[in-house]
Amino acid sequence: MQGDVLALSADALALSADALALSVDALALSVDALALSVDALALSADALALQGIAKFNSLRINKMLYLVNN
């Protein structure tokens, strides 16, 4: 009987260790996902900056063309 209790305790401990390992893996995946989100936000910011530069340059070109043609 005492052997059965010890065996069950060992099994429960092993399951707890497995659950902890899975939690650590899940946390690592969450960190990776967060890093990817940060990268995506940085790319979005870069894209918005490039759009602003393109728009600014287009406005300058249009203004220069207007001045040349008038």
PDB file of N, CA and C in Angstrom:
ATOM      1  N   MET A   1       0.818  -1.196   0.000  1.00  0.00           N
ATOM      2  CA  MET A   1       0.000   0.000   0.000  1.00  0.00           C
ATOM      3  C   MET A   1       0.860   1.257   0.000  1.00  0.00           C
ATOM      4  N   GLN A   2       1.881   1.268   0.883  1.00  0.00           N
ATOM      5  CA  GLN A   2       2.743   2.437   0.942  1.00  0.00           C
ATOM      6  C   GLN A   2       3.509   2.601  -0.374  1.00  0.00           C
ATOM      7  N   GLY A   3       3.840   1.459  -1.009  1.00  0.00           N
ATOM      8  CA  GLY A   3       4.507   1.502  -2.318  1.00  0.00           C
ATOM      9  C   GLY A   3       3.622   2.139  -3.367  1.00  0.00           C
ATOM     10  N   ASP A   4       2.314   1.850  -3.306  1.00  0.00           N
ATOM     11  CA  ASP A   4       1.372   2.443  -4.257  1.00  0.00           C
ATOM     12  C   ASP A   4       1.295   3.957  -4.079  1.00  0.00           C
ATOM     13  N   VAL A   5       1.282   4.398  -2.836  1.00  0.00           N
ATOM     14  CA  VAL A   5       1.219   5.830  -2.550  1.00  0.00           C
ATOM     15  C   VAL A   5       2.470   6.519  -3.073  1.00  0.00           C
ATOM     16  N   LEU A   6       3.624   5.890  -2.851  1.00  0.00           N
ATOM     17  CA  LEU A   6       4.881   6.460  -3.338  1.00  0.00           C
ATOM     18  C   LEU A   6       4.903   6.514  -4.862  1.00  0.00           C
ATOM     19  N   ALA A   7       4.410   5.470  -5.499  1.00  0.00           N
ATOM     20  CA  ALA A   7       4.373   5.430  -6.956  1.00  0.00           C
ATOM     21  C   ALA A   7       3.446   6.517  -7.499  1.00  0.00           C
ATOM     22  N   LEU A   8       2.290   6.678  -6.854  1.00  0.00           N
ATOM     23  CA  LEU A   8       1.360   7.735  -7.289  1.00  0.00           C
ATOM     24  C   LEU A   8       1.954   9.122  -7.070  1.00  0.00           C
ATOM     25  N   SER A   9       2.670   9.285  -5.959  1.00  0.00           N
ATOM     26  CA  SER A   9       3.321  10.567  -5.695  1.00  0.00           C
ATOM     27  C   SER A   9       4.391  10.856  -6.744  1.00  0.00           C
ATOM     28  N   ALA A  10       5.138   9.829  -7.121  1.00  0.00           N
ATOM     29  CA  ALA A  10       6.167   9.998  -8.153  1.00  0.00           C
ATOM     30  C   ALA A  10       5.532  10.354  -9.486  1.00  0.00           C
ATOM     31  N   ASP A  11       4.412   9.697  -9.797  1.00  0.00           N
ATOM     32  CA  ASP A  11       3.703  10.015 -11.047  1.00  0.00           C
ATOM     33  C   ASP A  11       3.178  11.456 -11.027  1.00  0.00           C
ATOM     34  N   ALA A  12       2.628  11.865  -9.899  1.00  0.00           N
ATOM     35  CA  ALA A  12       2.108  13.227  -9.785  1.00  0.00           C
ATOM     36  C   ALA A  12       3.232  14.244  -9.920  1.00  0.00           C
ATOM     37  N   LEU A  13       4.381  13.944  -9.341  1.00  0.00           N
ATOM     38  CA  LEU A  13       5.531  14.835  -9.443  1.00  0.00           C
ATOM     39  C   LEU A  13       6.009  14.923 -10.891  1.00  0.00           C
ATOM     40  N   ALA A  14       6.044  13.784 -11.573  1.00  0.00           N
ATOM     41  CA  ALA A  14       6.454  13.771 -12.979  1.00  0.00           C
ATOM     42  C   ALA A  14       5.481  14.585 -13.828  1.00  0.00           C
ATOM     43  N   LEU A  15       4.183  14.434 -13.548  1.00  0.00           N
ATOM     44  CA  LEU A  15       3.188  15.209 -14.292  1.00  0.00           C
ATOM     45  C   LEU A  15       3.320  16.713 -14.017  1.00  0.00           C
ATOM     46  N   SER A  16       3.624  17.047 -12.775  1.00  0.00           N
ATOM     47  CA  SER A  16       3.836  18.454 -12.432  1.00  0.00           C
ATOM     48  C   SER A  16       5.041  19.019 -13.171  1.00  0.00           C
ATOM     49  N   ALA A  17       6.106  18.222 -13.258  1.00  0.00           N
ATOM     50  CA  ALA A  17       7.298  18.657 -13.992  1.00  0.00           C
ATOM     51  C   ALA A  17       6.974  18.849 -15.468  1.00  0.00           C
ATOM     52  N   ASP A  18       6.188  17.933 -16.032  1.00  0.00           N
ATOM     53  CA  ASP A  18       5.787  18.069 -17.438  1.00  0.00           C
ATOM     54  C   ASP A  18       4.932  19.317 -17.645  1.00  0.00           C
ATOM     55  N   ALA A  19       4.019  19.555 -16.728  1.00  0.00           N
ATOM     56  CA  ALA A  19       3.158  20.738 -16.831  1.00  0.00           C
ATOM     57  C   ALA A  19       3.993  22.016 -16.737  1.00  0.00           C
ATOM     58  N   LEU A  20       4.983  22.008 -15.868  1.00  0.00           N
ATOM     59  CA  LEU A  20       5.865  23.171 -15.738  1.00  0.00           C
ATOM     60  C   LEU A  20       6.660  23.388 -17.016  1.00  0.00           C
ATOM     61  N   ALA A  21       7.164  22.309 -17.600  1.00  0.00           N
ATOM     62  CA  ALA A  21       7.906  22.408 -18.860  1.00  0.00           C
ATOM     63  C   ALA A  21       7.012  22.966 -19.967  1.00  0.00           C
ATOM     64  N   LEU A  22       5.758  22.521 -20.016  1.00  0.00           N
ATOM     65  CA  LEU A  22       4.825  23.035 -21.027  1.00  0.00           C
ATOM     66  C   LEU A  22       4.529  24.520 -20.792  1.00  0.00           C
ATOM     67  N   SER A  23       4.434  24.913 -19.535  1.00  0.00           N
ATOM     68  CA  SER A  23       4.207  26.326 -19.225  1.00  0.00           C
ATOM     69  C   SER A  23       5.383  27.184 -19.671  1.00  0.00           C
ATOM     70  N   VAL A  24       6.588  26.675 -19.452  1.00  0.00           N
ATOM     71  CA  VAL A  24       7.786  27.397 -19.886  1.00  0.00           C
ATOM     72  C   VAL A  24       7.797  27.512 -21.408  1.00  0.00           C
ATOM     73  N   ASP A  25       7.449  26.436 -22.101  1.00  0.00           N
ATOM     74  CA  ASP A  25       7.381  26.474 -23.569  1.00  0.00           C
ATOM     75  C   ASP A  25       6.338  27.478 -24.041  1.00  0.00           C
ATOM     76  N   ALA A  26       5.191  27.487 -23.382  1.00  0.00           N
ATOM     77  CA  ALA A  26       4.133  28.425 -23.759  1.00  0.00           C
ATOM     78  C   ALA A  26       4.583  29.864 -23.524  1.00  0.00           C
ATOM     79  N   LEU A  27       5.286  30.093 -22.438  1.00  0.00           N
ATOM     80  CA  LEU A  27       5.802  31.429 -22.155  1.00  0.00           C
ATOM     81  C   LEU A  27       6.817  31.841 -23.213  1.00  0.00           C
ATOM     82  N   ALA A  28       7.688  30.922 -23.604  1.00  0.00           N
ATOM     83  CA  ALA A  28       8.673  31.216 -24.648  1.00  0.00           C
ATOM     84  C   ALA A  28       7.976  31.554 -25.962  1.00  0.00           C
ATOM     85  N   LEU A  29       6.920  30.826 -26.293  1.00  0.00           N
ATOM     86  CA  LEU A  29       6.163  31.119 -27.512  1.00  0.00           C
ATOM     87  C   LEU A  29       5.490  32.482 -27.417  1.00  0.00           C
ATOM     88  N   SER A  30       5.009  32.828 -26.238  1.00  0.00           N
ATOM     89  CA  SER A  30       4.394  34.143 -26.055  1.00  0.00           C
ATOM     90  C   SER A  30       5.417  35.256 -26.243  1.00  0.00           C
ATOM     91  N   VAL A  31       6.609  35.035 -25.735  1.00  0.00           N
ATOM     92  CA  VAL A  31       7.679  36.022 -25.912  1.00  0.00           C
ATOM     93  C   VAL A  31       8.019  36.159 -27.393  1.00  0.00           C
ATOM     94  N   ASP A  32       8.099  35.036 -28.093  1.00  0.00           N
ATOM     95  CA  ASP A  32       8.373  35.083 -29.532  1.00  0.00           C
ATOM     96  C   ASP A  32       7.269  35.831 -30.279  1.00  0.00           C
ATOM     97  N   ALA A  33       6.027  35.560 -29.911  1.00  0.00           N
ATOM     98  CA  ALA A  33       4.906  36.245 -30.555  1.00  0.00           C
ATOM     99  C   ALA A  33       4.955  37.744 -30.280  1.00  0.00           C
ATOM    100  N   LEU A  34       5.311  38.107 -29.072  1.00  0.00           N
ATOM    101  CA  LEU A  34       5.434  39.525 -28.729  1.00  0.00           C
ATOM    102  C   LEU A  34       6.547  40.177 -29.535  1.00  0.00           C
ATOM    103  N   ALA A  35       7.667  39.488 -29.688  1.00  0.00           N
ATOM    104  CA  ALA A  35       8.776  40.016 -30.489  1.00  0.00           C
ATOM    105  C   ALA A  35       8.344  40.204 -31.940  1.00  0.00           C
ATOM    106  N   LEU A  36       7.594  39.247 -32.472  1.00  0.00           N
ATOM    107  CA  LEU A  36       7.098  39.376 -33.846  1.00  0.00           C
ATOM    108  C   LEU A  36       6.125  40.543 -33.972  1.00  0.00           C
ATOM    109  N   SER A  37       5.314  40.766 -32.956  1.00  0.00           N
ATOM    110  CA  SER A  37       4.398  41.901 -32.973  1.00  0.00           C
ATOM    111  C   SER A  37       5.157  43.219 -32.968  1.00  0.00           C
ATOM    112  N   VAL A  38       6.219  43.277 -32.182  1.00  0.00           N
ATOM    113  CA  VAL A  38       7.047  44.484 -32.150  1.00  0.00           C
ATOM    114  C   VAL A  38       7.678  44.719 -33.519  1.00  0.00           C
ATOM    115  N   ASP A  39       8.171  43.654 -34.137  1.00  0.00           N
ATOM    116  CA  ASP A  39       8.755  43.783 -35.470  1.00  0.00           C
ATOM    117  C   ASP A  39       7.711  44.263 -36.484  1.00  0.00           C
ATOM    118  N   ALA A  40       6.507  43.714 -36.390  1.00  0.00           N
ATOM    119  CA  ALA A  40       5.443  44.120 -37.306  1.00  0.00           C
ATOM    120  C   ALA A  40       5.079  45.587 -37.104  1.00  0.00           C
ATOM    121  N   LEU A  41       5.046  46.030 -35.854  1.00  0.00           N
ATOM    122  CA  LEU A  41       4.761  47.445 -35.586  1.00  0.00           C
ATOM    123  C   LEU A  41       5.860  48.336 -36.143  1.00  0.00           C
ATOM    124  N   ALA A  42       7.105  47.901 -36.006  1.00  0.00           N
ATOM    125  CA  ALA A  42       8.220  48.683 -36.545  1.00  0.00           C
ATOM    126  C   ALA A  42       8.125  48.769 -38.061  1.00  0.00           C
ATOM    127  N   LEU A  43       7.776  47.659 -38.698  1.00  0.00           N
ATOM    128  CA  LEU A  43       7.618  47.679 -40.155  1.00  0.00           C
ATOM    129  C   LEU A  43       6.466  48.581 -40.577  1.00  0.00           C
ATOM    130  N   SER A  44       5.387  48.560 -39.817  1.00  0.00           N
ATOM    131  CA  SER A  44       4.259  49.436 -40.122  1.00  0.00           C
ATOM    132  C   SER A  44       4.659  50.901 -39.983  1.00  0.00           C
ATOM    133  N   ALA A  45       5.425  51.197 -38.948  1.00  0.00           N
ATOM    134  CA  ALA A  45       5.886  52.571 -38.752  1.00  0.00           C
ATOM    135  C   ALA A  45       6.795  52.992 -39.898  1.00  0.00           C
ATOM    136  N   ASP A  46       7.672  52.087 -40.321  1.00  0.00           N
ATOM    137  CA  ASP A  46       8.544  52.393 -41.457  1.00  0.00           C
ATOM    138  C   ASP A  46       7.728  52.632 -42.723  1.00  0.00           C
ATOM    139  N   ALA A  47       6.720  51.797 -42.935  1.00  0.00           N
ATOM    140  CA  ALA A  47       5.882  51.959 -44.121  1.00  0.00           C
ATOM    141  C   ALA A  47       5.143  53.290 -44.090  1.00  0.00           C
ATOM    142  N   LEU A  48       4.622  53.666 -42.930  1.00  0.00           N
ATOM    143  CA  LEU A  48       3.938  54.953 -42.808  1.00  0.00           C
ATOM    144  C   LEU A  48       4.899  56.109 -43.049  1.00  0.00           C
ATOM    145  N   ALA A  49       6.117  55.989 -42.540  1.00  0.00           N
ATOM    146  CA  ALA A  49       7.118  57.038 -42.756  1.00  0.00           C
ATOM    147  C   ALA A  49       7.439  57.157 -44.242  1.00  0.00           C
ATOM    148  N   LEU A  50       7.593  56.010 -44.906  1.00  0.00           N
ATOM    149  CA  LEU A  50       7.873  56.046 -46.347  1.00  0.00           C
ATOM    150  C   LEU A  50       6.713  56.647 -47.121  1.00  0.00           C
ATOM    151  N   GLN A  51       5.490  56.362 -46.722  1.00  0.00           N
ATOM    152  CA  GLN A  51       4.331  56.964 -47.382  1.00  0.00           C
ATOM    153  C   GLN A  51       4.341  58.469 -47.199  1.00  0.00           C
ATOM    154  N   GLY A  52       4.700  58.907 -45.996  1.00  0.00           N
ATOM    155  CA  GLY A  52       4.764  60.345 -45.741  1.00  0.00           C
ATOM    156  C   GLY A  52       5.824  61.014 -46.580  1.00  0.00           C
ATOM    157  N   ILE A  53       6.983  60.365 -46.710  1.00  0.00           N
ATOM    158  CA  ILE A  53       8.056  60.921 -47.533  1.00  0.00           C
ATOM    159  C   ILE A  53       7.611  60.972 -48.988  1.00  0.00           C
ATOM    160  N   ALA A  54       6.990  59.910 -49.456  1.00  0.00           N
ATOM    161  CA  ALA A  54       6.532  59.874 -50.847  1.00  0.00           C
ATOM    162  C   ALA A  54       5.494  60.954 -51.093  1.00  0.00           C
ATOM    163  N   LYS A  55       4.576  61.127 -50.152  1.00  0.00           N
ATOM    164  CA  LYS A  55       3.541  62.146 -50.311  1.00  0.00           C
ATOM    165  C   LYS A  55       4.175  63.534 -50.318  1.00  0.00           C
ATOM    166  N   PHE A  56       5.118  63.761 -49.410  1.00  0.00           N
ATOM    167  CA  PHE A  56       5.791  65.050 -49.341  1.00  0.00           C
ATOM    168  C   PHE A  56       6.520  65.331 -50.650  1.00  0.00           C
ATOM    169  N   ASN A  57       7.264  64.331 -51.158  1.00  0.00           N
ATOM    170  CA  ASN A  57       7.988  64.519 -52.415  1.00  0.00           C
ATOM    171  C   ASN A  57       7.040  64.750 -53.569  1.00  0.00           C
ATOM    172  N   SER A  58       5.910  64.061 -53.594  1.00  0.00           N
ATOM    173  CA  SER A  58       4.921  64.269 -54.658  1.00  0.00           C
ATOM    174  C   SER A  58       4.384  65.689 -54.612  1.00  0.00           C
ATOM    175  N   LEU A  59       4.110  66.192 -53.411  1.00  0.00           N
ATOM    176  CA  LEU A  59       3.620  67.566 -53.289  1.00  0.00           C
ATOM    177  C   LEU A  59       4.663  68.564 -53.769  1.00  0.00           C
ATOM    178  N   ARG A  60       5.934  68.324 -53.420  1.00  0.00           N
ATOM    179  CA  ARG A  60       7.009  69.214 -53.885  1.00  0.00           C
ATOM    180  C   ARG A  60       7.132  69.185 -55.396  1.00  0.00           C
ATOM    181  N   ILE A  61       7.076  67.981 -55.965  1.00  0.00           N
ATOM    182  CA  ILE A  61       7.180  67.855 -57.428  1.00  0.00           C
ATOM    183  C   ILE A  61       6.011  68.555 -58.104  1.00  0.00           C
ATOM    184  N   ASN A  62       4.806  68.354 -57.580  1.00  0.00           N
ATOM    185  CA  ASN A  62       3.632  69.017 -58.157  1.00  0.00           C
ATOM    186  C   ASN A  62       3.770  70.532 -58.088  1.00  0.00           C
ATOM    187  N   LYS A  63       4.273  71.026 -56.966  1.00  0.00           N
ATOM    188  CA  LYS A  63       4.459  72.465 -56.802  1.00  0.00           C
ATOM    189  C   LYS A  63       5.496  72.991 -57.799  1.00  0.00           C
ATOM    190  N   MET A  64       6.600  72.249 -57.957  1.00  0.00           N
ATOM    191  CA  MET A  64       7.629  72.675 -58.911  1.00  0.00           C
ATOM    192  C   MET A  64       7.091  72.649 -60.335  1.00  0.00           C
ATOM    193  N   LEU A  65       6.332  71.606 -60.675  1.00  0.00           N
ATOM    194  CA  LEU A  65       5.753  71.524 -62.026  1.00  0.00           C
ATOM    195  C   LEU A  65       4.764  72.658 -62.258  1.00  0.00           C
ATOM    196  N   TYR A  66       4.002  72.984 -61.230  1.00  0.00           N
ATOM    197  CA  TYR A  66       3.054  74.093 -61.365  1.00  0.00           C
ATOM    198  C   TYR A  66       3.792  75.414 -61.604  1.00  0.00           C
ATOM    199  N   LEU A  67       4.868  75.630 -60.853  1.00  0.00           N
ATOM    200  CA  LEU A  67       5.650  76.849 -61.005  1.00  0.00           C
ATOM    201  C   LEU A  67       6.326  76.910 -62.372  1.00  0.00           C
ATOM    202  N   VAL A  68       6.778  75.784 -62.879  1.00  0.00           N
ATOM    203  CA  VAL A  68       7.439  75.742 -64.186  1.00  0.00           C
ATOM    204  C   VAL A  68       6.420  75.992 -65.294  1.00  0.00           C
ATOM    205  N   ASN A  69       5.238  75.432 -65.164  1.00  0.00           N
ATOM    206  CA  ASN A  69       4.234  75.519 -66.225  1.00  0.00           C
ATOM    207  C   ASN A  69       3.471  76.831 -66.187  1.00  0.00           C
ATOM    208  N   ASN A  70       3.569  77.604 -65.133  1.00  0.00           N
ATOM    209  CA  ASN A  70       2.808  78.866 -65.053  1.00  0.00           C
ATOM    210  C   ASN A  70       3.697  80.047 -65.029  1.00  0.00           C
TER     211      ASN A  70
END
